PDB file of N, CA and C in Angstrom:
ATOM      1  N   MET A   1     -85.593 -26.920 -24.377  1.00  0.00           N
ATOM      2  CA  MET A   1     -86.156 -25.977 -25.314  1.00  0.00           C
ATOM      3  C   MET A   1     -87.383 -25.320 -24.678  1.00  0.00           C
ATOM      4  N   THR A   2     -87.541 -24.037 -24.970  1.00  0.00           N
ATOM      5  CA  THR A   2     -88.693 -23.284 -24.506  1.00  0.00           C
ATOM      6  C   THR A   2     -89.555 -22.917 -25.705  1.00  0.00           C
ATOM      7  N   ILE A   3     -90.855 -23.137 -25.584  1.00  0.00           N
ATOM      8  CA  ILE A   3     -91.813 -22.798 -26.642  1.00  0.00           C
ATOM      9  C   ILE A   3     -92.714 -21.689 -26.120  1.00  0.00           C
ATOM     10  N   THR A   4     -92.750 -20.564 -26.844  1.00  0.00           N
ATOM     11  CA  THR A   4     -93.646 -19.464 -26.490  1.00  0.00           C
ATOM     12  C   THR A   4     -94.630 -19.297 -27.635  1.00  0.00           C
ATOM     13  N   LYS A   5     -95.904 -19.483 -27.327  1.00  0.00           N
ATOM     14  CA  LYS A   5     -96.941 -19.462 -28.353  1.00  0.00           C
ATOM     15  C   LYS A   5     -97.790 -18.208 -28.183  1.00  0.00           C
ATOM     16  N   THR A   6     -98.002 -17.466 -29.285  1.00  0.00           N
ATOM     17  CA  THR A   6     -98.841 -16.270 -29.277  1.00  0.00           C
ATOM     18  C   THR A   6     -99.845 -16.390 -30.410  1.00  0.00           C
ATOM     19  N   GLN A   7    -101.116 -16.277 -30.087  1.00  0.00           N
ATOM     20  CA  GLN A   7    -102.144 -16.359 -31.126  1.00  0.00           C
ATOM     21  C   GLN A   7    -102.931 -15.055 -31.158  1.00  0.00           C
ATOM     22  N   ASN A   8    -103.049 -14.480 -32.348  1.00  0.00           N
ATOM     23  CA  ASN A   8    -103.806 -13.258 -32.560  1.00  0.00           C
ATOM     24  C   ASN A   8    -104.792 -13.544 -33.684  1.00  0.00           C
ATOM     25  N   GLY A   9    -106.004 -13.919 -33.324  1.00  0.00           N
ATOM     26  CA  GLY A   9    -106.969 -14.345 -34.332  1.00  0.00           C
ATOM     27  C   GLY A   9    -106.488 -15.635 -34.964  1.00  0.00           C
ATOM     28  N   GLY A  10    -106.380 -15.641 -36.289  1.00  0.00           N
ATOM     29  CA  GLY A  10    -105.899 -16.823 -37.000  1.00  0.00           C
ATOM     30  C   GLY A  10    -104.394 -16.860 -37.169  1.00  0.00           C
ATOM     31  N   ALA A  11    -103.703 -15.795 -36.702  1.00  0.00           N
ATOM     32  CA  ALA A  11    -102.244 -15.729 -36.839  1.00  0.00           C
ATOM     33  C   ALA A  11    -101.580 -16.330 -35.605  1.00  0.00           C
ATOM     34  N   LEU A  12    -100.789 -17.358 -35.820  1.00  0.00           N
ATOM     35  CA  LEU A  12    -100.086 -18.042 -34.740  1.00  0.00           C
ATOM     36  C   LEU A  12     -98.596 -17.786 -34.873  1.00  0.00           C
ATOM     37  N   GLU A  13     -97.958 -17.363 -33.772  1.00  0.00           N
ATOM     38  CA  GLU A  13     -96.504 -17.214 -33.748  1.00  0.00           C
ATOM     39  C   GLU A  13     -95.947 -18.117 -32.666  1.00  0.00           C
ATOM     40  N   ILE A  14     -94.918 -18.857 -33.031  1.00  0.00           N
ATOM     41  CA  ILE A  14     -94.255 -19.745 -32.084  1.00  0.00           C
ATOM     42  C   ILE A  14     -92.777 -19.383 -32.048  1.00  0.00           C
ATOM     43  N   ALA A  15     -92.322 -18.968 -30.866  1.00  0.00           N
ATOM     44  CA  ALA A  15     -90.915 -18.644 -30.657  1.00  0.00           C
ATOM     45  C   ALA A  15     -90.253 -19.810 -29.940  1.00  0.00           C
ATOM     46  N   LEU A  16     -89.113 -20.231 -30.457  1.00  0.00           N
ATOM     47  CA  LEU A  16     -88.384 -21.355 -29.868  1.00  0.00           C
ATOM     48  C   LEU A  16     -87.053 -20.864 -29.321  1.00  0.00           C
ATOM     49  N   ALA A  17     -86.666 -21.377 -28.169  1.00  0.00           N
ATOM     50  CA  ALA A  17     -85.375 -21.053 -27.569  1.00  0.00           C
ATOM     51  C   ALA A  17     -84.692 -22.353 -27.166  1.00  0.00           C
ATOM     52  N   GLY A  18     -83.415 -22.460 -27.486  1.00  0.00           N
ATOM     53  CA  GLY A  18     -82.665 -23.663 -27.128  1.00  0.00           C
ATOM     54  C   GLY A  18     -82.381 -24.538 -28.329  1.00  0.00           C
ATOM     55  N   ARG A  19     -82.580 -25.833 -28.156  1.00  0.00           N
ATOM     56  CA  ARG A  19     -82.269 -26.816 -29.204  1.00  0.00           C
ATOM     57  C   ARG A  19     -83.532 -27.561 -29.618  1.00  0.00           C
ATOM     58  N   LEU A  20     -83.748 -27.650 -30.922  1.00  0.00           N
ATOM     59  CA  LEU A  20     -84.848 -28.444 -31.474  1.00  0.00           C
ATOM     60  C   LEU A  20     -84.217 -29.716 -32.028  1.00  0.00           C
ATOM     61  N   ASP A  21     -84.308 -30.790 -31.253  1.00  0.00           N
ATOM     62  CA  ASP A  21     -83.636 -32.037 -31.616  1.00  0.00           C
ATOM     63  C   ASP A  21     -84.522 -33.242 -31.285  1.00  0.00           C
ATOM     64  N   THR A  22     -83.945 -34.409 -31.279  1.00  0.00           N
ATOM     65  CA  THR A  22     -84.689 -35.644 -31.037  1.00  0.00           C
ATOM     66  C   THR A  22     -85.430 -35.628 -29.702  1.00  0.00           C
ATOM     67  N   MET A  23     -84.835 -35.020 -28.710  1.00  0.00           N
ATOM     68  CA  MET A  23     -85.435 -34.994 -27.376  1.00  0.00           C
ATOM     69  C   MET A  23     -86.574 -33.971 -27.265  1.00  0.00           C
ATOM     70  N   THR A  24     -86.471 -32.855 -27.988  1.00  0.00           N
ATOM     71  CA  THR A  24     -87.437 -31.765 -27.817  1.00  0.00           C
ATOM     72  C   THR A  24     -88.481 -31.665 -28.924  1.00  0.00           C
ATOM     73  N   SER A  25     -88.226 -32.286 -30.064  1.00  0.00           N
ATOM     74  CA  SER A  25     -89.182 -32.168 -31.177  1.00  0.00           C
ATOM     75  C   SER A  25     -90.570 -32.748 -30.859  1.00  0.00           C
ATOM     76  N   PRO A  26     -90.693 -33.827 -30.054  1.00  0.00           N
ATOM     77  CA  PRO A  26     -92.049 -34.290 -29.724  1.00  0.00           C
ATOM     78  C   PRO A  26     -92.877 -33.236 -28.975  1.00  0.00           C
ATOM     79  N   GLU A  27     -92.217 -32.423 -28.161  1.00  0.00           N
ATOM     80  CA  GLU A  27     -92.902 -31.356 -27.436  1.00  0.00           C
ATOM     81  C   GLU A  27     -93.472 -30.314 -28.418  1.00  0.00           C
ATOM     82  N   LEU A  28     -92.671 -29.933 -29.410  1.00  0.00           N
ATOM     83  CA  LEU A  28     -93.149 -28.982 -30.424  1.00  0.00           C
ATOM     84  C   LEU A  28     -94.258 -29.612 -31.258  1.00  0.00           C
ATOM     85  N   GLU A  29     -94.095 -30.869 -31.605  1.00  0.00           N
ATOM     86  CA  GLU A  29     -95.107 -31.579 -32.390  1.00  0.00           C
ATOM     87  C   GLU A  29     -96.450 -31.609 -31.657  1.00  0.00           C
ATOM     88  N   ALA A  30     -96.409 -31.833 -30.356  1.00  0.00           N
ATOM     89  CA  ALA A  30     -97.635 -31.856 -29.549  1.00  0.00           C
ATOM     90  C   ALA A  30     -98.301 -30.477 -29.517  1.00  0.00           C
ATOM     91  N   GLU A  31     -97.490 -29.429 -29.360  1.00  0.00           N
ATOM     92  CA  GLU A  31     -98.031 -28.057 -29.361  1.00  0.00           C
ATOM     93  C   GLU A  31     -98.676 -27.739 -30.706  1.00  0.00           C
ATOM     94  N   LEU A  32     -98.017 -28.123 -31.787  1.00  0.00           N
ATOM     95  CA  LEU A  32     -98.540 -27.836 -33.128  1.00  0.00           C
ATOM     96  C   LEU A  32     -99.836 -28.597 -33.392  1.00  0.00           C
ATOM     97  N   SER A  33     -99.922 -29.825 -32.924  1.00  0.00           N
ATOM     98  CA  SER A  33    -101.134 -30.611 -33.177  1.00  0.00           C
ATOM     99  C   SER A  33    -102.348 -29.969 -32.506  1.00  0.00           C
ATOM    100  N   LYS A  34    -102.129 -29.292 -31.376  1.00  0.00           N
ATOM    101  CA  LYS A  34    -103.221 -28.586 -30.699  1.00  0.00           C
ATOM    102  C   LYS A  34    -103.516 -27.239 -31.346  1.00  0.00           C
ATOM    103  N   ALA A  35    -102.476 -26.533 -31.793  1.00  0.00           N
ATOM    104  CA  ALA A  35    -102.634 -25.142 -32.229  1.00  0.00           C
ATOM    105  C   ALA A  35    -102.945 -24.972 -33.720  1.00  0.00           C
ATOM    106  N   LEU A  36    -102.439 -25.845 -34.570  1.00  0.00           N
ATOM    107  CA  LEU A  36    -102.584 -25.641 -36.023  1.00  0.00           C
ATOM    108  C   LEU A  36    -104.020 -25.679 -36.535  1.00  0.00           C
ATOM    109  N   PRO A  37    -104.894 -26.511 -36.000  1.00  0.00           N
ATOM    110  CA  PRO A  37    -106.259 -26.504 -36.541  1.00  0.00           C
ATOM    111  C   PRO A  37    -106.952 -25.140 -36.463  1.00  0.00           C
ATOM    112  N   GLY A  38    -106.619 -24.310 -35.469  1.00  0.00           N
ATOM    113  CA  GLY A  38    -107.237 -22.995 -35.336  1.00  0.00           C
ATOM    114  C   GLY A  38    -106.445 -21.872 -35.963  1.00  0.00           C
ATOM    115  N   ALA A  39    -105.321 -22.198 -36.599  1.00  0.00           N
ATOM    116  CA  ALA A  39    -104.448 -21.169 -37.177  1.00  0.00           C
ATOM    117  C   ALA A  39    -104.622 -21.073 -38.684  1.00  0.00           C
ATOM    118  N   GLU A  40    -104.615 -19.850 -39.179  1.00  0.00           N
ATOM    119  CA  GLU A  40    -104.644 -19.614 -40.622  1.00  0.00           C
ATOM    120  C   GLU A  40    -103.250 -19.340 -41.166  1.00  0.00           C
ATOM    121  N   SER A  41    -102.379 -18.770 -40.325  1.00  0.00           N
ATOM    122  CA  SER A  41    -100.988 -18.526 -40.710  1.00  0.00           C
ATOM    123  C   SER A  41    -100.095 -18.865 -39.519  1.00  0.00           C
ATOM    124  N   LEU A  42     -98.847 -19.206 -39.833  1.00  0.00           N
ATOM    125  CA  LEU A  42     -97.905 -19.622 -38.797  1.00  0.00           C
ATOM    126  C   LEU A  42     -96.563 -18.945 -39.031  1.00  0.00           C
ATOM    127  N   VAL A  43     -96.019 -18.343 -37.973  1.00  0.00           N
ATOM    128  CA  VAL A  43     -94.682 -17.752 -38.020  1.00  0.00           C
ATOM    129  C   VAL A  43     -93.858 -18.374 -36.902  1.00  0.00           C
ATOM    130  N   PHE A  44     -92.713 -18.925 -37.272  1.00  0.00           N
ATOM    131  CA  PHE A  44     -91.761 -19.415 -36.285  1.00  0.00           C
ATOM    132  C   PHE A  44     -90.708 -18.336 -36.081  1.00  0.00           C
ATOM    133  N   ASP A  45     -90.463 -17.959 -34.832  1.00  0.00           N
ATOM    134  CA  ASP A  45     -89.404 -17.013 -34.485  1.00  0.00           C
ATOM    135  C   ASP A  45     -88.237 -17.831 -33.936  1.00  0.00           C
ATOM    136  N   PHE A  46     -87.146 -17.871 -34.703  1.00  0.00           N
ATOM    137  CA  PHE A  46     -85.983 -18.674 -34.321  1.00  0.00           C
ATOM    138  C   PHE A  46     -84.855 -17.814 -33.753  1.00  0.00           C
ATOM    139  N   SER A  47     -85.156 -16.590 -33.289  1.00  0.00           N
ATOM    140  CA  SER A  47     -84.103 -15.694 -32.812  1.00  0.00           C
ATOM    141  C   SER A  47     -83.319 -16.286 -31.643  1.00  0.00           C
ATOM    142  N   LYS A  48     -83.913 -17.192 -30.876  1.00  0.00           N
ATOM    143  CA  LYS A  48     -83.226 -17.795 -29.730  1.00  0.00           C
ATOM    144  C   LYS A  48     -83.018 -19.296 -29.909  1.00  0.00           C
ATOM    145  N   LEU A  49     -83.213 -19.786 -31.130  1.00  0.00           N
ATOM    146  CA  LEU A  49     -82.983 -21.207 -31.405  1.00  0.00           C
ATOM    147  C   LEU A  49     -81.514 -21.410 -31.735  1.00  0.00           C
ATOM    148  N   ASP A  50     -80.845 -22.276 -30.978  1.00  0.00           N
ATOM    149  CA  ASP A  50     -79.411 -22.495 -31.147  1.00  0.00           C
ATOM    150  C   ASP A  50     -79.073 -23.582 -32.155  1.00  0.00           C
ATOM    151  N   TYR A  51     -79.976 -24.570 -32.293  1.00  0.00           N
ATOM    152  CA  TYR A  51     -79.631 -25.763 -33.078  1.00  0.00           C
ATOM    153  C   TYR A  51     -80.910 -26.447 -33.530  1.00  0.00           C
ATOM    154  N   ILE A  52     -80.846 -27.068 -34.715  1.00  0.00           N
ATOM    155  CA  ILE A  52     -81.964 -27.885 -35.187  1.00  0.00           C
ATOM    156  C   ILE A  52     -81.406 -29.174 -35.783  1.00  0.00           C
ATOM    157  N   SER A  53     -82.026 -30.293 -35.442  1.00  0.00           N
ATOM    158  CA  SER A  53     -81.595 -31.593 -35.963  1.00  0.00           C
ATOM    159  C   SER A  53     -82.588 -32.076 -37.017  1.00  0.00           C
ATOM    160  N   SER A  54     -82.341 -33.257 -37.552  1.00  0.00           N
ATOM    161  CA  SER A  54     -83.249 -33.823 -38.552  1.00  0.00           C
ATOM    162  C   SER A  54     -84.642 -34.067 -37.963  1.00  0.00           C
ATOM    163  N   ALA A  55     -84.712 -34.375 -36.678  1.00  0.00           N
ATOM    164  CA  ALA A  55     -86.017 -34.561 -36.030  1.00  0.00           C
ATOM    165  C   ALA A  55     -86.788 -33.239 -36.016  1.00  0.00           C
ATOM    166  N   GLY A  56     -86.096 -32.144 -35.775  1.00  0.00           N
ATOM    167  CA  GLY A  56     -86.720 -30.823 -35.817  1.00  0.00           C
ATOM    168  C   GLY A  56     -87.144 -30.451 -37.224  1.00  0.00           C
ATOM    169  N   LEU A  57     -86.326 -30.796 -38.202  1.00  0.00           N
ATOM    170  CA  LEU A  57     -86.674 -30.529 -39.603  1.00  0.00           C
ATOM    171  C   LEU A  57     -87.943 -31.272 -39.998  1.00  0.00           C
ATOM    172  N   ARG A  58     -88.090 -32.482 -39.502  1.00  0.00           N
ATOM    173  CA  ARG A  58     -89.288 -33.266 -39.819  1.00  0.00           C
ATOM    174  C   ARG A  58     -90.541 -32.574 -39.286  1.00  0.00           C
ATOM    175  N   VAL A  59     -90.463 -32.027 -38.079  1.00  0.00           N
ATOM    176  CA  VAL A  59     -91.602 -31.314 -37.500  1.00  0.00           C
ATOM    177  C   VAL A  59     -91.920 -30.064 -38.324  1.00  0.00           C
ATOM    178  N   LEU A  60     -90.880 -29.343 -38.746  1.00  0.00           N
ATOM    179  CA  LEU A  60     -91.094 -28.150 -39.583  1.00  0.00           C
ATOM    180  C   LEU A  60     -91.741 -28.521 -40.912  1.00  0.00           C
ATOM    181  N   LEU A  61     -91.291 -29.600 -41.518  1.00  0.00           N
ATOM    182  CA  LEU A  61     -91.854 -30.027 -42.792  1.00  0.00           C
ATOM    183  C   LEU A  61     -93.321 -30.410 -42.638  1.00  0.00           C
ATOM    184  N   SER A  62     -93.653 -31.079 -41.569  1.00  0.00           N
ATOM    185  CA  SER A  62     -95.038 -31.449 -41.298  1.00  0.00           C
ATOM    186  C   SER A  62     -95.909 -30.200 -41.116  1.00  0.00           C
ATOM    187  N   ALA A  63     -95.410 -29.219 -40.376  1.00  0.00           N
ATOM    188  CA  ALA A  63     -96.147 -27.962 -40.176  1.00  0.00           C
ATOM    189  C   ALA A  63     -96.300 -27.216 -41.496  1.00  0.00           C
ATOM    190  N   HIS A  64     -95.242 -27.227 -42.303  1.00  0.00           N
ATOM    191  CA  HIS A  64     -95.278 -26.559 -43.610  1.00  0.00           C
ATOM    192  C   HIS A  64     -96.363 -27.172 -44.489  1.00  0.00           C
ATOM    193  N   LYS A  65     -96.439 -28.494 -44.509  1.00  0.00           N
ATOM    194  CA  LYS A  65     -97.473 -29.175 -45.299  1.00  0.00           C
ATOM    195  C   LYS A  65     -98.869 -28.826 -44.809  1.00  0.00           C
ATOM    196  N   ALA A  66     -99.053 -28.795 -43.493  1.00  0.00           N
ATOM    197  CA  ALA A  66    -100.364 -28.470 -42.919  1.00  0.00           C
ATOM    198  C   ALA A  66    -100.767 -27.034 -43.246  1.00  0.00           C
ATOM    199  N   MET A  67     -99.809 -26.121 -43.241  1.00  0.00           N
ATOM    200  CA  MET A  67    -100.120 -24.708 -43.457  1.00  0.00           C
ATOM    201  C   MET A  67    -100.181 -24.332 -44.934  1.00  0.00           C
ATOM    202  N   SER A  68     -99.707 -25.189 -45.817  1.00  0.00           N
ATOM    203  CA  SER A  68     -99.724 -24.863 -47.257  1.00  0.00           C
ATOM    204  C   SER A  68    -101.144 -24.765 -47.796  1.00  0.00           C
ATOM    205  N   ALA A  69    -102.079 -25.423 -47.146  1.00  0.00           N
ATOM    206  CA  ALA A  69    -103.482 -25.348 -47.564  1.00  0.00           C
ATOM    207  C   ALA A  69    -104.159 -24.101 -46.995  1.00  0.00           C
ATOM    208  N   LYS A  70    -103.442 -23.383 -46.134  1.00  0.00           N
ATOM    209  CA  LYS A  70    -103.974 -22.167 -45.508  1.00  0.00           C
ATOM    210  C   LYS A  70    -103.170 -20.974 -46.005  1.00  0.00           C
ATOM    211  N   ASP A  71    -102.875 -20.015 -45.128  1.00  0.00           N
ATOM    212  CA  ASP A  71    -102.128 -18.818 -45.526  1.00  0.00           C
ATOM    213  C   ASP A  71    -100.622 -18.988 -45.478  1.00  0.00           C
ATOM    214  N   GLY A  72    -100.152 -20.163 -45.108  1.00  0.00           N
ATOM    215  CA  GLY A  72     -98.727 -20.448 -45.169  1.00  0.00           C
ATOM    216  C   GLY A  72     -97.990 -20.321 -43.854  1.00  0.00           C
ATOM    217  N   MET A  73     -96.670 -20.523 -43.962  1.00  0.00           N
ATOM    218  CA  MET A  73     -95.781 -20.561 -42.807  1.00  0.00           C
ATOM    219  C   MET A  73     -94.507 -19.810 -43.137  1.00  0.00           C
ATOM    220  N   LYS A  74     -93.996 -19.037 -42.176  1.00  0.00           N
ATOM    221  CA  LYS A  74     -92.726 -18.318 -42.322  1.00  0.00           C
ATOM    222  C   LYS A  74     -91.819 -18.678 -41.155  1.00  0.00           C
ATOM    223  N   VAL A  75     -90.516 -18.601 -41.414  1.00  0.00           N
ATOM    224  CA  VAL A  75     -89.514 -18.788 -40.373  1.00  0.00           C
ATOM    225  C   VAL A  75     -88.693 -17.505 -40.325  1.00  0.00           C
ATOM    226  N   THR A  76     -88.607 -16.885 -39.148  1.00  0.00           N
ATOM    227  CA  THR A  76     -87.906 -15.611 -39.033  1.00  0.00           C
ATOM    228  C   THR A  76     -86.730 -15.702 -38.060  1.00  0.00           C
ATOM    229  N   HIS A  77     -85.801 -14.742 -38.202  1.00  0.00           N
ATOM    230  CA  HIS A  77     -84.657 -14.576 -37.290  1.00  0.00           C
ATOM    231  C   HIS A  77     -83.811 -15.831 -37.148  1.00  0.00           C
ATOM    232  N   VAL A  78     -83.422 -16.404 -38.273  1.00  0.00           N
ATOM    233  CA  VAL A  78     -82.631 -17.638 -38.282  1.00  0.00           C
ATOM    234  C   VAL A  78     -81.144 -17.296 -38.132  1.00  0.00           C
ATOM    235  N   ASN A  79     -80.461 -17.956 -37.197  1.00  0.00           N
ATOM    236  CA  ASN A  79     -79.024 -17.709 -37.044  1.00  0.00           C
ATOM    237  C   ASN A  79     -78.227 -18.479 -38.102  1.00  0.00           C
ATOM    238  N   GLU A  80     -76.919 -18.234 -38.136  1.00  0.00           N
ATOM    239  CA  GLU A  80     -76.061 -18.836 -39.169  1.00  0.00           C
ATOM    240  C   GLU A  80     -76.030 -20.358 -39.097  1.00  0.00           C
ATOM    241  N   ILE A  81     -76.013 -20.913 -37.906  1.00  0.00           N
ATOM    242  CA  ILE A  81     -75.930 -22.365 -37.735  1.00  0.00           C
ATOM    243  C   ILE A  81     -77.187 -23.035 -38.291  1.00  0.00           C
ATOM    244  N   VAL A  82     -78.352 -22.518 -37.914  1.00  0.00           N
ATOM    245  CA  VAL A  82     -79.619 -23.090 -38.392  1.00  0.00           C
ATOM    246  C   VAL A  82     -79.770 -22.851 -39.892  1.00  0.00           C
ATOM    247  N   GLN A  83     -79.367 -21.666 -40.373  1.00  0.00           N
ATOM    248  CA  GLN A  83     -79.452 -21.368 -41.798  1.00  0.00           C
ATOM    249  C   GLN A  83     -78.598 -22.338 -42.604  1.00  0.00           C
ATOM    250  N   GLU A  84     -77.426 -22.668 -42.096  1.00  0.00           N
ATOM    251  CA  GLU A  84     -76.551 -23.624 -42.789  1.00  0.00           C
ATOM    252  C   GLU A  84     -77.212 -24.999 -42.880  1.00  0.00           C
ATOM    253  N   VAL A  85     -77.884 -25.422 -41.808  1.00  0.00           N
ATOM    254  CA  VAL A  85     -78.609 -26.705 -41.840  1.00  0.00           C
ATOM    255  C   VAL A  85     -79.706 -26.636 -42.903  1.00  0.00           C
ATOM    256  N   PHE A  86     -80.442 -25.517 -42.965  1.00  0.00           N
ATOM    257  CA  PHE A  86     -81.488 -25.355 -43.976  1.00  0.00           C
ATOM    258  C   PHE A  86     -80.910 -25.434 -45.385  1.00  0.00           C
ATOM    259  N   GLU A  87     -79.751 -24.823 -45.607  1.00  0.00           N
ATOM    260  CA  GLU A  87     -79.151 -24.820 -46.940  1.00  0.00           C
ATOM    261  C   GLU A  87     -78.633 -26.196 -47.339  1.00  0.00           C
ATOM    262  N   VAL A  88     -77.961 -26.876 -46.416  1.00  0.00           N
ATOM    263  CA  VAL A  88     -77.388 -28.194 -46.706  1.00  0.00           C
ATOM    264  C   VAL A  88     -78.486 -29.222 -46.989  1.00  0.00           C
ATOM    265  N   THR A  89     -79.599 -29.115 -46.295  1.00  0.00           N
ATOM    266  CA  THR A  89     -80.676 -30.095 -46.438  1.00  0.00           C
ATOM    267  C   THR A  89     -81.677 -29.741 -47.538  1.00  0.00           C
ATOM    268  N   GLY A  90     -81.571 -28.538 -48.095  1.00  0.00           N
ATOM    269  CA  GLY A  90     -82.525 -28.110 -49.123  1.00  0.00           C
ATOM    270  C   GLY A  90     -83.758 -27.424 -48.557  1.00  0.00           C
ATOM    271  N   PHE A  91     -83.841 -27.308 -47.244  1.00  0.00           N
ATOM    272  CA  PHE A  91     -84.992 -26.650 -46.623  1.00  0.00           C
ATOM    273  C   PHE A  91     -85.035 -25.162 -46.953  1.00  0.00           C
ATOM    274  N   ALA A  92     -83.883 -24.581 -47.294  1.00  0.00           N
ATOM    275  CA  ALA A  92     -83.848 -23.163 -47.659  1.00  0.00           C
ATOM    276  C   ALA A  92     -84.682 -22.919 -48.920  1.00  0.00           C
ATOM    277  N   ASP A  93     -84.804 -23.935 -49.769  1.00  0.00           N
ATOM    278  CA  ASP A  93     -85.600 -23.811 -50.989  1.00  0.00           C
ATOM    279  C   ASP A  93     -87.098 -24.087 -50.745  1.00  0.00           C
ATOM    280  N   ILE A  94     -87.398 -24.760 -49.654  1.00  0.00           N
ATOM    281  CA  ILE A  94     -88.782 -25.136 -49.349  1.00  0.00           C
ATOM    282  C   ILE A  94     -89.475 -24.103 -48.461  1.00  0.00           C
ATOM    283  N   LEU A  95     -88.760 -23.657 -47.431  1.00  0.00           N
ATOM    284  CA  LEU A  95     -89.350 -22.779 -46.423  1.00  0.00           C
ATOM    285  C   LEU A  95     -89.274 -21.303 -46.820  1.00  0.00           C
ATOM    286  N   ASP A  96     -90.211 -20.519 -46.347  1.00  0.00           N
ATOM    287  CA  ASP A  96     -90.196 -19.066 -46.495  1.00  0.00           C
ATOM    288  C   ASP A  96     -89.426 -18.516 -45.304  1.00  0.00           C
ATOM    289  N   ILE A  97     -88.143 -18.156 -45.535  1.00  0.00           N
ATOM    290  CA  ILE A  97     -87.269 -17.713 -44.448  1.00  0.00           C
ATOM    291  C   ILE A  97     -87.027 -16.213 -44.576  1.00  0.00           C
ATOM    292  N   GLU A  98     -87.273 -15.501 -43.488  1.00  0.00           N
ATOM    293  CA  GLU A  98     -87.063 -14.042 -43.484  1.00  0.00           C
ATOM    294  C   GLU A  98     -85.992 -13.681 -42.494  1.00  0.00           C
TER     295      GLU A  98
END
């Protein structure tokens, strides 16, 4: 998985490419632990994300909780496979997906 992080003031955008799973979620978790304290809003760009597992969902839920006290979190450019995982797990009702 590739993580591309862009920060513009308090706005943080993280683009993911590849698979967010048990092997790669600790890498995203580490990036978020460094970046979230200075962020007021968070946007995930999933245009190049092929797959997400329950380990990836856990990281997203943790980020969502951290950002709920701030300006929030959005997930953009979700493909059909990832969207189906969000719907089956109920994450489609929790996350702000564009």
